[in-house]
Protein backbone atom coordinates (compact mmCIF):
# COMPACT_ATOMS: atom_id res chain seq x y z
CA MET A 1 97.14 149.55 114.68
CA ASP A 2 96.47 147.59 117.86
CA PHE A 3 99.78 145.96 118.79
CA SER A 4 98.22 144.30 121.82
CA ILE A 5 97.76 141.18 119.70
CA LEU A 6 101.51 140.63 120.00
CA HIS A 7 101.03 140.02 123.72
CA TYR A 8 99.43 136.68 122.90
CA GLY A 9 101.86 133.80 122.65
CA PHE A 10 100.09 132.15 119.74
CA MET A 11 100.19 135.38 117.73
CA GLN A 12 103.92 135.78 118.40
CA LYS A 13 104.47 132.27 117.08
CA ALA A 14 102.24 132.97 114.10
CA PHE A 15 104.14 136.13 113.12
CA LEU A 16 107.46 134.32 113.50
CA ALA A 17 106.15 131.47 111.35
CA GLY A 18 105.02 134.04 108.79
CA LEU A 19 108.50 135.55 108.72
CA LEU A 20 110.28 132.22 108.32
CA GLY A 21 107.75 130.72 105.92
CA GLY A 22 107.47 133.88 103.85
CA VAL A 23 111.24 134.11 103.36
CA SER A 24 111.92 130.43 102.69
CA CYS A 25 108.94 129.88 100.38
CA ALA A 26 109.71 133.03 98.40
CA ILE A 27 113.36 132.07 97.91
CA THR A 28 112.50 128.61 96.64
CA GLY A 29 109.80 130.24 94.54
CA VAL A 30 112.41 132.30 92.68
CA LEU A 31 114.29 129.08 91.96
CA VAL A 32 111.33 127.13 90.60
CA VAL A 33 109.91 130.07 88.64
CA THR A 34 113.28 130.58 86.97
CA MET A 35 113.62 126.85 86.29
CA ARG A 36 110.09 126.92 84.83
CA ILE A 37 108.86 124.00 86.89
CA THR A 38 106.36 125.88 89.04
CA ALA A 39 104.19 122.78 89.41
CA ILE A 40 106.88 121.27 91.60
CA GLY A 41 105.50 123.27 94.53
CA THR A 42 102.20 121.42 94.38
CA CYS A 43 104.00 118.13 93.77
CA MET A 44 106.22 118.56 96.84
CA ALA A 45 103.29 119.66 98.98
CA HIS A 46 101.32 116.53 98.14
CA ALA A 47 104.41 114.37 98.67
CA ALA A 48 104.90 115.86 102.13
CA PHE A 49 101.17 115.50 102.79
CA ALA A 50 101.22 111.82 101.80
CA GLY A 51 104.32 111.23 103.92
CA ALA A 52 102.78 112.90 106.95
CA LEU A 53 99.64 110.78 106.58
CA LEU A 54 101.73 107.61 106.39
CA GLY A 55 103.62 108.73 109.48
CA MET A 56 100.35 109.18 111.33
CA LEU A 57 99.24 105.71 110.25
CA MET A 58 102.49 104.38 111.70
CA GLY A 59 101.80 106.05 115.04
CA SER A 60 103.61 109.38 114.76
CA PRO A 61 101.67 112.30 116.31
CA ASP A 62 102.39 114.69 113.44
CA GLY A 63 104.13 112.62 110.75
CA LEU A 64 106.78 115.31 110.23
CA ALA A 65 109.70 112.91 109.86
CA MET A 66 107.96 110.81 107.22
CA ALA A 67 106.86 114.00 105.44
CA PHE A 68 110.52 114.95 105.06
CA VAL A 69 111.35 111.45 103.81
CA PHE A 70 108.67 111.62 101.12
CA SER A 71 109.36 115.17 99.93
CA LEU A 72 113.13 114.76 99.84
CA GLY A 73 112.71 111.39 98.14
CA VAL A 74 110.52 112.95 95.48
CA ALA A 75 113.01 115.80 95.05
CA GLY A 76 115.78 113.27 94.56
CA LEU A 77 113.64 111.38 92.05
CA ILE A 78 112.47 114.20 89.79
CA GLY A 79 115.95 115.40 88.82
CA PRO A 80 117.42 112.05 87.68
CA LEU A 81 114.18 111.04 85.94
CA SER A 82 114.07 114.23 83.90
CA ASP A 83 117.77 113.92 83.03
CA ARG A 84 117.81 110.23 82.13
CA THR A 85 114.57 109.98 80.19
CA ASP A 86 113.12 111.76 77.19
CA PHE A 87 110.48 113.44 79.33
CA ALA A 88 110.58 117.14 80.14
CA PRO A 89 110.83 118.06 83.85
CA GLU A 90 107.22 119.29 83.77
CA THR A 91 106.05 115.86 82.60
CA VAL A 92 108.00 114.08 85.32
CA VAL A 93 106.59 116.46 87.93
CA GLY A 94 103.06 115.76 86.68
CA ILE A 95 103.54 111.99 86.88
CA VAL A 96 105.01 112.12 90.37
CA PHE A 97 102.31 114.55 91.49
CA SER A 98 99.54 112.18 90.39
CA ALA A 99 101.22 109.32 92.26
CA MET A 100 101.54 111.38 95.45
CA LEU A 101 97.94 112.53 95.18
CA GLY A 102 96.78 108.93 94.88
CA LEU A 103 98.86 107.88 97.89
CA ALA A 104 97.53 110.78 99.95
CA PHE A 105 93.91 109.80 99.33
CA LEU A 106 94.76 106.14 99.94
CA PHE A 107 96.31 106.93 103.32
CA ILE A 108 93.34 109.13 104.25
CA GLY A 109 91.02 106.24 103.46
CA LEU A 110 93.09 103.88 105.61
CA MET A 111 93.09 106.19 108.62
CA PRO A 112 90.70 105.02 111.35
CA GLY A 113 88.26 107.42 112.97
CA PRO A 114 87.83 111.12 112.14
CA LYS A 115 89.92 112.62 109.36
CA SER A 116 90.12 116.12 110.87
CA LYS A 117 93.79 115.84 111.81
CA ALA A 118 94.70 114.83 108.29
CA LEU A 119 92.64 117.61 106.75
CA ASN A 120 94.33 120.14 109.05
CA LEU A 121 97.59 119.32 107.28
CA PHE A 122 95.92 119.92 103.95
CA TRP A 123 94.59 123.36 104.89
CA GLY A 124 97.21 124.35 107.46
CA SER A 125 96.82 126.67 110.42
CA ILE A 126 99.43 129.31 111.05
CA LEU A 127 97.64 130.35 114.26
CA THR A 128 98.25 126.95 115.88
CA VAL A 129 101.91 126.56 114.94
CA GLY A 130 104.01 124.94 117.65
CA LYS A 131 107.58 125.34 118.89
CA LEU A 132 108.79 122.28 116.97
CA ASP A 133 107.41 123.72 113.74
CA LEU A 134 109.21 127.00 114.38
CA TRP A 135 112.50 125.24 115.07
CA VAL A 136 112.21 123.22 111.87
CA MET A 137 111.21 126.26 109.80
CA GLY A 138 114.03 128.29 111.32
CA ALA A 139 116.62 125.61 110.60
CA VAL A 140 115.49 125.22 106.99
CA THR A 141 115.43 128.99 106.43
CA ILE A 142 118.91 129.51 107.89
CA ILE A 143 120.40 126.65 105.87
CA LEU A 144 118.69 127.91 102.72
CA LEU A 145 119.95 131.47 103.17
CA ALA A 146 123.47 130.33 104.04
CA ALA A 147 123.68 128.04 101.02
CA LEU A 148 122.35 130.75 98.72
CA MET A 149 124.90 133.30 99.94
CA LEU A 150 127.79 130.84 99.73
CA PHE A 151 126.95 129.52 96.28
CA PHE A 152 125.11 132.45 94.75
CA LYS A 153 127.34 132.71 91.66
CA GLU A 154 126.99 129.01 90.95
CA VAL A 155 123.23 129.10 91.46
CA ARG A 156 122.91 132.10 89.16
CA ALA A 157 124.97 130.37 86.49
CA VAL A 158 122.82 127.24 86.63
CA LEU A 159 119.61 129.27 86.53
CA CYS A 160 120.80 131.30 83.55
CA HIS A 161 122.02 128.40 81.43
CA ARG A 162 122.58 124.98 82.93
CA SER A 163 124.55 123.48 80.03
CA VAL A 164 126.88 126.49 79.82
CA ALA A 165 127.47 126.32 83.58
CA LEU A 166 128.33 122.64 83.24
CA ALA A 167 130.77 123.39 80.43
CA ALA A 168 132.41 126.05 82.62
CA GLY A 169 133.24 123.44 85.25
CA ILE A 170 130.39 124.24 87.65
CA PRO A 171 128.72 121.13 89.16
CA ALA A 172 125.45 122.14 87.54
CA THR A 173 123.69 118.81 88.00
CA ALA A 174 124.46 118.68 91.72
CA ILE A 175 123.31 122.28 92.19
CA TYR A 176 120.13 121.61 90.21
CA TYR A 177 119.32 118.59 92.38
CA ALA A 178 120.16 120.58 95.52
CA MET A 179 117.66 123.26 94.52
CA LEU A 180 114.98 120.60 94.10
CA ILE A 181 115.81 119.16 97.52
CA ALA A 182 115.70 122.66 99.04
CA THR A 183 112.22 123.09 97.61
CA GLY A 184 111.11 119.81 99.18
CA ALA A 185 112.54 120.74 102.57
CA THR A 186 110.93 124.18 102.50
CA VAL A 187 107.52 122.83 101.58
CA THR A 188 107.66 120.19 104.32
CA ALA A 189 108.79 122.64 106.98
CA SER A 190 105.87 124.95 106.17
CA LEU A 191 103.26 122.21 105.71
CA ARG A 192 101.56 122.42 109.10
CA SER A 193 101.54 126.21 109.31
CA ILE A 194 100.57 127.08 105.73
CA GLY A 195 99.02 123.86 104.46
CA GLY A 196 99.57 121.62 101.48
CA LEU A 197 96.91 123.37 99.41
CA LEU A 198 97.90 127.00 100.02
CA ILE A 199 101.68 126.72 100.05
CA TYR A 200 101.84 126.65 96.26
CA SER A 201 100.60 130.23 96.02
CA LEU A 202 103.05 131.44 98.66
CA ILE A 203 105.89 129.91 96.65
CA ILE A 204 104.85 131.21 93.24
CA ASN A 205 103.11 134.56 93.79
CA PRO A 206 105.87 136.51 95.62
CA ALA A 207 108.51 135.28 93.17
CA ALA A 208 106.36 136.12 90.15
CA ALA A 209 105.65 139.56 91.60
CA ALA A 210 109.34 140.22 92.19
CA TYR A 211 110.13 139.32 88.59
CA GLN A 212 107.86 142.14 87.45
CA LEU A 213 110.06 144.72 89.17
CA SER A 214 113.63 143.75 88.36
CA TYR A 215 116.00 141.72 86.21
CA ASP A 216 118.68 141.60 88.90
CA LEU A 217 118.63 138.19 90.61
CA LYS A 218 119.76 139.45 94.01
CA ARG A 219 117.06 142.09 93.99
CA ILE A 220 114.50 139.52 92.89
CA PHE A 221 115.35 137.29 95.85
CA ILE A 222 115.06 140.22 98.27
CA LEU A 223 111.79 141.51 96.80
CA ALA A 224 110.27 138.03 96.78
CA ALA A 225 111.17 137.53 100.44
CA VAL A 226 109.64 140.91 101.34
CA PHE A 227 106.46 140.09 99.43
CA GLY A 228 106.24 136.70 101.12
CA VAL A 229 106.53 138.17 104.60
CA VAL A 230 104.11 141.01 103.80
CA SER A 231 101.58 138.46 102.55
CA CYS A 232 101.86 136.37 105.72
CA TRP A 233 101.79 139.27 108.17
CA GLY A 234 99.04 141.06 106.27
CA GLY A 235 96.98 137.89 106.27
CA LEU A 236 97.43 137.49 110.02
CA LEU A 237 96.42 141.08 110.74
CA ALA A 238 93.38 140.87 108.46
CA SER A 239 92.41 137.55 110.00
CA TYR A 240 92.54 139.05 113.49
CA ALA A 241 90.74 142.25 112.52
CA PHE A 242 87.90 140.75 110.48
CA ASP A 243 87.69 137.22 111.91
CA ILE A 244 88.36 135.51 108.58
CA PRO A 245 90.59 132.51 107.68
CA SER A 246 94.23 133.57 107.74
CA GLY A 247 95.44 131.13 105.08
CA ALA A 248 92.96 132.31 102.48
CA VAL A 249 93.79 135.97 103.16
CA ILE A 250 97.52 135.26 102.84
CA VAL A 251 96.90 133.81 99.39
CA MET A 252 94.72 136.74 98.33
CA ILE A 253 97.27 139.32 99.50
CA SER A 254 100.08 137.57 97.63
CA THR A 255 97.89 137.50 94.52
CA LEU A 256 97.06 141.20 94.91
CA LEU A 257 100.76 142.03 95.20
CA PHE A 258 101.42 140.19 91.96
CA VAL A 259 98.63 142.07 90.19
CA LEU A 260 99.90 145.44 91.45
CA CYS A 261 103.49 144.65 90.48
CA THR A 262 102.35 143.60 87.02
CA LEU A 263 100.28 146.75 86.52
CA PHE A 264 103.04 149.10 87.67
CA SER A 265 106.04 147.16 86.40
CA PRO A 266 108.93 149.53 85.54
CA LYS A 267 110.53 147.09 83.10
CA LYS A 268 111.64 148.36 79.74
CA LYS A 269 108.72 148.77 77.35
CA GLY A 270 110.60 149.27 74.11
CA LEU A 271 112.13 145.80 73.86
CA SER A 272 110.58 143.00 71.90
CA ARG A 273 109.28 139.96 73.73
CA ARG A 274 112.26 137.89 72.54
CA GLN A 275 114.71 140.48 73.85
CA ARG A 276 112.92 140.69 77.19
CA LEU A 277 113.11 136.93 77.58
CA SER A 278 116.80 137.05 76.72
CA LEU A 279 117.70 139.63 79.34
CA ASN A 280 120.07 138.30 81.93
CA PHE A 281 119.88 139.18 85.59
CA SER A 282 122.20 142.18 85.29
CA GLY A 283 119.96 143.79 82.67
CA GLU A 284 122.22 143.15 79.66
CA VAL A 285 120.68 141.79 76.48
CA GLN A 286 122.02 138.40 75.49
CA THR A 287 121.72 136.49 72.23
CA THR A 288 121.29 133.16 73.97
CA SER A 289 118.04 131.36 74.61
CA PRO A 290 115.74 132.39 77.47
CA ILE A 291 116.85 131.59 80.96
CA ALA A 292 116.04 127.98 81.75
CA PRO A 293 117.91 124.99 83.18
CA GLU A 294 118.51 123.00 80.03
CA ARG A 295 119.00 119.26 80.16
CA ASN A 296 122.40 117.82 79.38
CA HIS A 297 122.06 115.88 76.11
CA VAL A 298 125.69 114.72 75.95
CA ARG A 299 125.71 111.07 75.04
């Protein structure tokens, strides 16, 4: 391995961005995979993309602030809409996603001159990440890790069974909304380095791969973070060695990790599908429904 590439400043920034983005995206991926609203990653990415485009139209050089406004606004909208209407969260996510996609294309059409700067946000470029991006990604990652460690028991309870957590006195609704907001912040922070199109795979694939190896939630978080970082760093090394697009290689490595974890999964083979779905994160079989954040139907 030629470590001379680390002498270049842009490669140092790229590897640091891969570390921060891999960890933060993987952690939020575990949340959304467990909540069974995986499409929210794409929805948030397009919300941040639309916000960044609007910011550019308003004169901002990168539109980062408006991207945060849009993604956090969408995160704050999806939770209440799914709770206060008869629609499932997946339906609400799909509706909001279509609206954000329409706004993104509208803003692209309104932009004067070349569209290359806008399209760069869509595809992302981890090799051109700047200091501001690293600071934002670092802040989001630290806050996310700190919140997860402080409120891990509450988060686990909400992920296992939201209505039971609410009955136990845990502020399940607030935690559920906070997890949605964390997803929006993570997607926005990684938008310029990873791209609105590719970030979905970096959120879902490491988390899905980690779920193939363990039922323990702590271990799943750790494995997902490791897989996310390995995908980013492996993509950077392959991009440098073979002169190929780094973003695409990152996605392919994360997909390969999922395939390998699925093929060599050590999970128990003798249980029925219903029992496997009913396993909690400590490995004990439960008689309750599969893990999912149920809506509160109290009227």
